[in-house]
Amino acid sequence: MQLDHVTIVTPDCEAARCFFVDIAGMTPGPRPPFGFDGHWLYLDGAPVVHLIASTARPSMRAGDPAASCIDHLALRVRTQAEWRALLDRLRIADTPFRLAEIPLVQEWQLFVQPVPGVVVEFVTSTFSPPKST
């Protein structure tokens, strides 16, 4: 088994799309005609992030259980060059982020909130990152 994709429902679908394309380096791609607006974003040829505008989602009916949520989406950065390019894109876009070290596994986490209610983590073990913004 492997993770196929994550769906993010947000009131600002366009800002989320811009973040995942311009900062995370994903590619917009084909999406089935579901009858509501959204975007599919690709990594390595696979549609891994599905975006849906919260206005496109049907309202919950009375008596339905409360909606659950996912705390964050994590993307692994494999190389030092990818990490540096990510940091450059964050700085150019003036996007604030927070860094955290995981000493037992010698990894670093970079957290960013592209739209309200959505947290994206970038994680790497290849080297030490610079200071956060």
N, C-alpha and C. Protein backbone atom coordinates (compact mmCIF):
# COMPACT_ATOMS: atom_id res chain seq x y z
N MET A 1 0.83 -1.16 0.00
CA MET A 1 0.00 0.00 0.00
C MET A 1 0.89 1.24 0.00
N GLN A 2 0.41 2.29 -0.64
CA GLN A 2 1.13 3.56 -0.63
C GLN A 2 0.12 4.70 -0.67
N LEU A 3 0.53 5.85 -0.16
CA LEU A 3 -0.33 7.02 -0.21
C LEU A 3 -0.53 7.43 -1.66
N ASP A 4 -1.78 7.67 -2.04
CA ASP A 4 -2.09 8.03 -3.42
C ASP A 4 -2.17 9.54 -3.59
N HIS A 5 -2.96 10.21 -2.76
CA HIS A 5 -3.10 11.66 -2.87
C HIS A 5 -3.70 12.23 -1.60
N VAL A 6 -3.68 13.52 -1.48
CA VAL A 6 -4.36 14.24 -0.40
C VAL A 6 -5.27 15.26 -1.05
N THR A 7 -6.46 15.42 -0.46
CA THR A 7 -7.40 16.43 -0.94
C THR A 7 -7.49 17.54 0.09
N ILE A 8 -7.33 18.75 -0.37
CA ILE A 8 -7.41 19.93 0.50
C ILE A 8 -8.61 20.74 0.06
N VAL A 9 -9.52 20.98 1.01
CA VAL A 9 -10.69 21.81 0.77
C VAL A 9 -10.40 23.15 1.42
N THR A 10 -10.45 24.21 0.64
CA THR A 10 -10.07 25.53 1.14
C THR A 10 -10.93 26.62 0.51
N PRO A 11 -11.17 27.69 1.27
CA PRO A 11 -11.91 28.81 0.66
C PRO A 11 -11.07 29.58 -0.36
N ASP A 12 -9.74 29.39 -0.34
CA ASP A 12 -8.86 30.09 -1.27
C ASP A 12 -8.08 29.09 -2.11
N CYS A 13 -8.79 28.45 -3.01
CA CYS A 13 -8.23 27.40 -3.86
C CYS A 13 -7.09 27.93 -4.73
N GLU A 14 -7.22 29.16 -5.21
CA GLU A 14 -6.20 29.73 -6.09
C GLU A 14 -4.91 30.00 -5.33
N ALA A 15 -4.99 30.51 -4.10
CA ALA A 15 -3.78 30.73 -3.30
C ALA A 15 -3.09 29.40 -2.99
N ALA A 16 -3.87 28.37 -2.70
CA ALA A 16 -3.29 27.04 -2.45
C ALA A 16 -2.60 26.52 -3.70
N ARG A 17 -3.26 26.67 -4.86
CA ARG A 17 -2.66 26.22 -6.12
C ARG A 17 -1.34 26.94 -6.36
N CYS A 18 -1.33 28.25 -6.18
CA CYS A 18 -0.10 29.02 -6.39
C CYS A 18 1.02 28.54 -5.46
N PHE A 19 0.70 28.29 -4.20
CA PHE A 19 1.72 27.81 -3.27
C PHE A 19 2.30 26.48 -3.75
N PHE A 20 1.45 25.51 -4.05
CA PHE A 20 1.96 24.19 -4.42
C PHE A 20 2.70 24.19 -5.75
N VAL A 21 2.34 25.09 -6.66
CA VAL A 21 3.05 25.19 -7.94
C VAL A 21 4.31 26.04 -7.79
N ASP A 22 4.17 27.25 -7.26
CA ASP A 22 5.29 28.19 -7.23
C ASP A 22 6.31 27.90 -6.14
N ILE A 23 5.88 27.39 -5.00
CA ILE A 23 6.79 27.12 -3.88
C ILE A 23 7.18 25.65 -3.81
N ALA A 24 6.20 24.76 -3.81
CA ALA A 24 6.51 23.33 -3.67
C ALA A 24 6.98 22.69 -4.97
N GLY A 25 6.80 23.37 -6.10
CA GLY A 25 7.31 22.85 -7.37
C GLY A 25 6.44 21.81 -8.04
N MET A 26 5.17 21.74 -7.68
CA MET A 26 4.28 20.79 -8.33
C MET A 26 3.83 21.34 -9.68
N THR A 27 3.27 20.46 -10.49
CA THR A 27 2.82 20.83 -11.83
C THR A 27 1.31 20.65 -11.93
N PRO A 28 0.59 21.68 -12.38
CA PRO A 28 -0.85 21.50 -12.60
C PRO A 28 -1.05 20.50 -13.74
N GLY A 29 -2.09 19.71 -13.63
CA GLY A 29 -2.32 18.72 -14.67
C GLY A 29 -3.78 18.39 -14.85
N PRO A 30 -4.06 17.42 -15.71
CA PRO A 30 -5.44 17.07 -16.03
C PRO A 30 -6.22 16.61 -14.79
N ARG A 31 -7.52 16.89 -14.85
CA ARG A 31 -8.43 16.55 -13.76
C ARG A 31 -9.75 16.14 -14.37
N PRO A 32 -10.36 15.07 -13.87
CA PRO A 32 -11.66 14.66 -14.42
C PRO A 32 -12.70 15.76 -14.24
N PRO A 33 -13.72 15.77 -15.09
CA PRO A 33 -14.78 16.79 -15.00
C PRO A 33 -15.79 16.43 -13.90
N PHE A 34 -15.46 16.76 -12.66
CA PHE A 34 -16.28 16.37 -11.52
C PHE A 34 -17.58 17.17 -11.38
N GLY A 35 -17.71 18.29 -12.04
CA GLY A 35 -18.90 19.12 -11.90
C GLY A 35 -18.72 20.20 -10.84
N PHE A 36 -17.53 20.34 -10.31
CA PHE A 36 -17.20 21.43 -9.40
C PHE A 36 -15.74 21.80 -9.64
N ASP A 37 -15.40 23.04 -9.30
CA ASP A 37 -14.06 23.54 -9.58
C ASP A 37 -13.02 22.96 -8.63
N GLY A 38 -11.82 22.89 -9.13
CA GLY A 38 -10.70 22.40 -8.35
C GLY A 38 -9.47 22.25 -9.22
N HIS A 39 -8.42 21.74 -8.63
CA HIS A 39 -7.15 21.54 -9.35
C HIS A 39 -6.54 20.21 -8.92
N TRP A 40 -5.85 19.56 -9.83
CA TRP A 40 -5.00 18.42 -9.49
C TRP A 40 -3.57 18.86 -9.74
N LEU A 41 -2.71 18.62 -8.76
CA LEU A 41 -1.31 19.01 -8.84
C LEU A 41 -0.45 17.76 -8.78
N TYR A 42 0.56 17.74 -9.64
CA TYR A 42 1.33 16.52 -9.89
C TYR A 42 2.77 16.64 -9.38
N LEU A 43 3.30 15.49 -8.90
CA LEU A 43 4.72 15.30 -8.61
C LEU A 43 5.14 14.01 -9.31
N ASP A 44 6.21 14.06 -10.03
CA ASP A 44 6.73 12.87 -10.74
C ASP A 44 5.65 12.18 -11.56
N GLY A 45 4.77 12.98 -12.20
CA GLY A 45 3.76 12.43 -13.09
C GLY A 45 2.50 11.91 -12.40
N ALA A 46 2.42 12.00 -11.07
CA ALA A 46 1.25 11.50 -10.34
C ALA A 46 0.49 12.66 -9.70
N PRO A 47 -0.85 12.62 -9.76
CA PRO A 47 -1.65 13.68 -9.14
C PRO A 47 -1.73 13.47 -7.62
N VAL A 48 -0.89 14.16 -6.87
CA VAL A 48 -0.76 13.90 -5.44
C VAL A 48 -1.51 14.87 -4.54
N VAL A 49 -1.82 16.07 -5.04
CA VAL A 49 -2.61 17.03 -4.26
C VAL A 49 -3.82 17.42 -5.10
N HIS A 50 -5.00 17.19 -4.50
CA HIS A 50 -6.26 17.58 -5.13
C HIS A 50 -6.80 18.76 -4.33
N LEU A 51 -7.09 19.85 -5.00
CA LEU A 51 -7.63 21.04 -4.35
C LEU A 51 -9.09 21.20 -4.73
N ILE A 52 -9.91 21.52 -3.73
CA ILE A 52 -11.33 21.76 -3.94
C ILE A 52 -11.70 23.04 -3.20
N ALA A 53 -12.40 23.93 -3.87
CA ALA A 53 -12.89 25.14 -3.21
C ALA A 53 -13.97 24.74 -2.22
N SER A 54 -13.89 25.27 -1.00
CA SER A 54 -14.87 24.89 0.02
C SER A 54 -16.29 25.23 -0.39
N THR A 55 -16.45 26.20 -1.27
CA THR A 55 -17.80 26.55 -1.76
C THR A 55 -18.36 25.46 -2.67
N ALA A 56 -17.50 24.58 -3.19
CA ALA A 56 -17.94 23.51 -4.09
C ALA A 56 -18.39 22.28 -3.31
N ARG A 57 -18.08 22.23 -2.04
CA ARG A 57 -18.38 21.05 -1.22
C ARG A 57 -19.82 21.12 -0.71
N PRO A 58 -20.55 19.99 -0.79
CA PRO A 58 -21.93 20.01 -0.29
C PRO A 58 -21.96 20.27 1.21
N SER A 59 -22.99 20.98 1.67
CA SER A 59 -23.13 21.26 3.09
C SER A 59 -23.41 19.97 3.85
N MET A 60 -22.95 19.94 5.11
CA MET A 60 -23.24 18.80 5.94
C MET A 60 -24.70 18.87 6.37
N ARG A 61 -25.34 17.71 6.45
CA ARG A 61 -26.74 17.64 6.88
C ARG A 61 -26.80 17.58 8.40
N ALA A 62 -27.91 18.04 8.96
CA ALA A 62 -28.11 17.95 10.41
C ALA A 62 -28.00 16.49 10.84
N GLY A 63 -27.29 16.24 11.91
CA GLY A 63 -27.13 14.88 12.42
C GLY A 63 -25.90 14.17 11.88
N ASP A 64 -25.27 14.72 10.83
CA ASP A 64 -24.04 14.12 10.32
C ASP A 64 -22.94 14.29 11.36
N PRO A 65 -22.02 13.34 11.45
CA PRO A 65 -20.92 13.51 12.39
C PRO A 65 -20.04 14.70 11.98
N ALA A 66 -19.39 15.29 12.96
CA ALA A 66 -18.49 16.42 12.66
C ALA A 66 -17.38 15.97 11.73
N ALA A 67 -16.99 16.87 10.85
CA ALA A 67 -15.92 16.56 9.91
C ALA A 67 -14.60 16.42 10.65
N SER A 68 -13.79 15.48 10.26
CA SER A 68 -12.44 15.33 10.81
C SER A 68 -11.51 16.23 10.03
N CYS A 69 -10.27 16.34 10.49
CA CYS A 69 -9.30 17.10 9.73
C CYS A 69 -7.95 16.41 9.79
N ILE A 70 -7.11 16.73 8.84
CA ILE A 70 -5.73 16.24 8.82
C ILE A 70 -4.86 17.38 9.30
N ASP A 71 -3.94 17.10 10.22
CA ASP A 71 -3.11 18.15 10.80
C ASP A 71 -2.20 18.81 9.78
N HIS A 72 -1.50 18.03 8.95
CA HIS A 72 -0.62 18.63 7.95
C HIS A 72 -0.25 17.61 6.88
N LEU A 73 0.30 18.12 5.80
CA LEU A 73 0.82 17.33 4.69
C LEU A 73 2.33 17.49 4.72
N ALA A 74 3.08 16.40 4.65
CA ALA A 74 4.54 16.47 4.66
C ALA A 74 5.11 16.02 3.32
N LEU A 75 6.08 16.79 2.84
CA LEU A 75 6.78 16.48 1.59
C LEU A 75 8.27 16.34 1.90
N ARG A 76 8.87 15.24 1.49
CA ARG A 76 10.30 15.03 1.73
C ARG A 76 11.12 15.70 0.65
N VAL A 77 12.12 16.46 1.07
CA VAL A 77 13.07 17.11 0.16
C VAL A 77 14.31 16.24 0.14
N ARG A 78 14.65 15.73 -1.03
CA ARG A 78 15.69 14.70 -1.13
C ARG A 78 17.12 15.23 -1.20
N THR A 79 17.31 16.38 -1.83
CA THR A 79 18.69 16.84 -2.05
C THR A 79 18.91 18.24 -1.50
N GLN A 80 20.16 18.57 -1.31
CA GLN A 80 20.53 19.90 -0.85
C GLN A 80 20.12 20.96 -1.87
N ALA A 81 20.26 20.66 -3.15
CA ALA A 81 19.87 21.61 -4.20
C ALA A 81 18.36 21.88 -4.14
N GLU A 82 17.56 20.83 -3.94
CA GLU A 82 16.11 21.01 -3.83
C GLU A 82 15.77 21.87 -2.60
N TRP A 83 16.47 21.62 -1.50
CA TRP A 83 16.23 22.38 -0.26
C TRP A 83 16.55 23.86 -0.47
N ARG A 84 17.70 24.14 -1.06
CA ARG A 84 18.08 25.53 -1.31
C ARG A 84 17.10 26.23 -2.24
N ALA A 85 16.65 25.52 -3.27
CA ALA A 85 15.69 26.11 -4.22
C ALA A 85 14.36 26.39 -3.51
N LEU A 86 13.93 25.49 -2.63
CA LEU A 86 12.70 25.71 -1.86
C LEU A 86 12.84 26.96 -0.99
N LEU A 87 13.95 27.09 -0.28
CA LEU A 87 14.18 28.26 0.56
C LEU A 87 14.20 29.55 -0.25
N ASP A 88 14.82 29.50 -1.42
CA ASP A 88 14.84 30.67 -2.30
C ASP A 88 13.43 31.08 -2.71
N ARG A 89 12.60 30.10 -3.09
CA ARG A 89 11.23 30.40 -3.51
C ARG A 89 10.41 30.97 -2.34
N LEU A 90 10.61 30.42 -1.14
CA LEU A 90 9.91 30.95 0.04
C LEU A 90 10.31 32.40 0.31
N ARG A 91 11.59 32.69 0.22
CA ARG A 91 12.07 34.06 0.48
C ARG A 91 11.58 35.04 -0.58
N ILE A 92 11.65 34.64 -1.85
CA ILE A 92 11.19 35.51 -2.94
C ILE A 92 9.70 35.82 -2.77
N ALA A 93 8.93 34.83 -2.36
CA ALA A 93 7.50 35.01 -2.16
C ALA A 93 7.18 35.65 -0.81
N ASP A 94 8.21 35.92 -0.02
CA ASP A 94 8.05 36.52 1.31
C ASP A 94 7.07 35.69 2.16
N THR A 95 7.25 34.37 2.10
CA THR A 95 6.39 33.43 2.82
C THR A 95 7.06 33.03 4.13
N PRO A 96 6.44 33.35 5.27
CA PRO A 96 7.04 32.97 6.56
C PRO A 96 7.03 31.46 6.76
N PHE A 97 8.04 30.96 7.47
CA PHE A 97 8.11 29.54 7.78
C PHE A 97 8.77 29.37 9.14
N ARG A 98 8.61 28.15 9.69
CA ARG A 98 9.20 27.82 10.98
C ARG A 98 9.99 26.53 10.83
N LEU A 99 11.18 26.50 11.43
CA LEU A 99 12.03 25.31 11.39
C LEU A 99 12.02 24.59 12.73
N ALA A 100 12.15 23.27 12.67
CA ALA A 100 12.27 22.46 13.88
C ALA A 100 13.25 21.33 13.60
N GLU A 101 14.09 21.04 14.57
CA GLU A 101 15.05 19.95 14.43
C GLU A 101 14.51 18.71 15.13
N ILE A 102 14.74 17.55 14.52
CA ILE A 102 14.41 16.26 15.13
C ILE A 102 15.74 15.56 15.39
N PRO A 103 16.36 15.79 16.56
CA PRO A 103 17.73 15.34 16.79
C PRO A 103 17.93 13.82 16.75
N LEU A 104 16.96 13.04 17.21
CA LEU A 104 17.16 11.59 17.25
C LEU A 104 17.33 10.98 15.86
N VAL A 105 16.71 11.58 14.86
CA VAL A 105 16.82 11.05 13.49
C VAL A 105 17.61 11.98 12.58
N GLN A 106 18.13 13.06 13.14
CA GLN A 106 18.94 14.04 12.40
C GLN A 106 18.22 14.55 11.15
N GLU A 107 16.98 14.97 11.38
CA GLU A 107 16.20 15.57 10.31
C GLU A 107 15.76 16.96 10.71
N TRP A 108 15.38 17.74 9.71
CA TRP A 108 14.85 19.08 9.89
C TRP A 108 13.47 19.15 9.28
N GLN A 109 12.58 19.90 9.93
CA GLN A 109 11.24 20.14 9.42
C GLN A 109 11.09 21.63 9.18
N LEU A 110 10.46 21.98 8.08
CA LEU A 110 10.13 23.36 7.76
C LEU A 110 8.61 23.40 7.61
N PHE A 111 7.95 24.22 8.42
CA PHE A 111 6.49 24.33 8.40
C PHE A 111 6.06 25.66 7.80
N VAL A 112 5.05 25.61 6.95
CA VAL A 112 4.51 26.81 6.31
C VAL A 112 2.99 26.65 6.21
N GLN A 113 2.28 27.77 6.29
CA GLN A 113 0.82 27.75 6.17
C GLN A 113 0.43 28.55 4.93
N PRO A 114 0.22 27.86 3.79
CA PRO A 114 -0.08 28.57 2.53
C PRO A 114 -1.45 29.23 2.51
N VAL A 115 -2.43 28.62 3.16
CA VAL A 115 -3.78 29.19 3.28
C VAL A 115 -4.29 28.84 4.68
N PRO A 116 -5.23 29.60 5.22
CA PRO A 116 -5.73 29.31 6.56
C PRO A 116 -6.20 27.86 6.70
N GLY A 117 -5.79 27.22 7.79
CA GLY A 117 -6.22 25.86 8.07
C GLY A 117 -5.40 24.78 7.40
N VAL A 118 -4.42 25.12 6.60
CA VAL A 118 -3.60 24.13 5.90
C VAL A 118 -2.14 24.35 6.27
N VAL A 119 -1.50 23.30 6.79
CA VAL A 119 -0.08 23.36 7.11
C VAL A 119 0.65 22.36 6.22
N VAL A 120 1.76 22.81 5.64
CA VAL A 120 2.61 21.95 4.83
C VAL A 120 3.96 21.87 5.51
N GLU A 121 4.45 20.66 5.66
CA GLU A 121 5.78 20.41 6.23
C GLU A 121 6.69 19.93 5.11
N PHE A 122 7.87 20.49 5.07
CA PHE A 122 8.93 19.98 4.20
C PHE A 122 9.96 19.38 5.15
N VAL A 123 10.40 18.17 4.90
CA VAL A 123 11.33 17.50 5.80
C VAL A 123 12.55 17.04 5.01
N THR A 124 13.72 17.15 5.65
CA THR A 124 14.95 16.73 5.00
C THR A 124 15.92 16.18 6.03
N SER A 125 16.82 15.32 5.58
CA SER A 125 17.86 14.79 6.45
C SER A 125 19.24 14.97 5.82
N THR A 126 19.30 15.75 4.76
CA THR A 126 20.55 15.84 4.00
C THR A 126 21.55 16.86 4.55
N PHE A 127 21.11 17.84 5.33
CA PHE A 127 22.01 18.88 5.79
C PHE A 127 21.29 19.80 6.75
N SER A 128 21.99 20.74 7.33
CA SER A 128 21.40 21.71 8.25
C SER A 128 20.82 22.88 7.48
N PRO A 129 19.60 23.29 7.81
CA PRO A 129 18.98 24.44 7.14
C PRO A 129 19.41 25.75 7.76
N PRO A 130 19.18 26.85 7.05
CA PRO A 130 19.46 28.18 7.61
C PRO A 130 18.37 28.60 8.57
N LYS A 131 18.48 29.81 9.09
CA LYS A 131 17.51 30.37 10.04
C LYS A 131 16.14 30.52 9.39
N SER A 132 15.10 30.44 10.24
CA SER A 132 13.73 30.64 9.73
C SER A 132 13.47 32.14 9.56
N THR A 133 12.34 32.44 8.91
CA THR A 133 11.93 33.84 8.72
C THR A 133 10.81 34.17 9.66
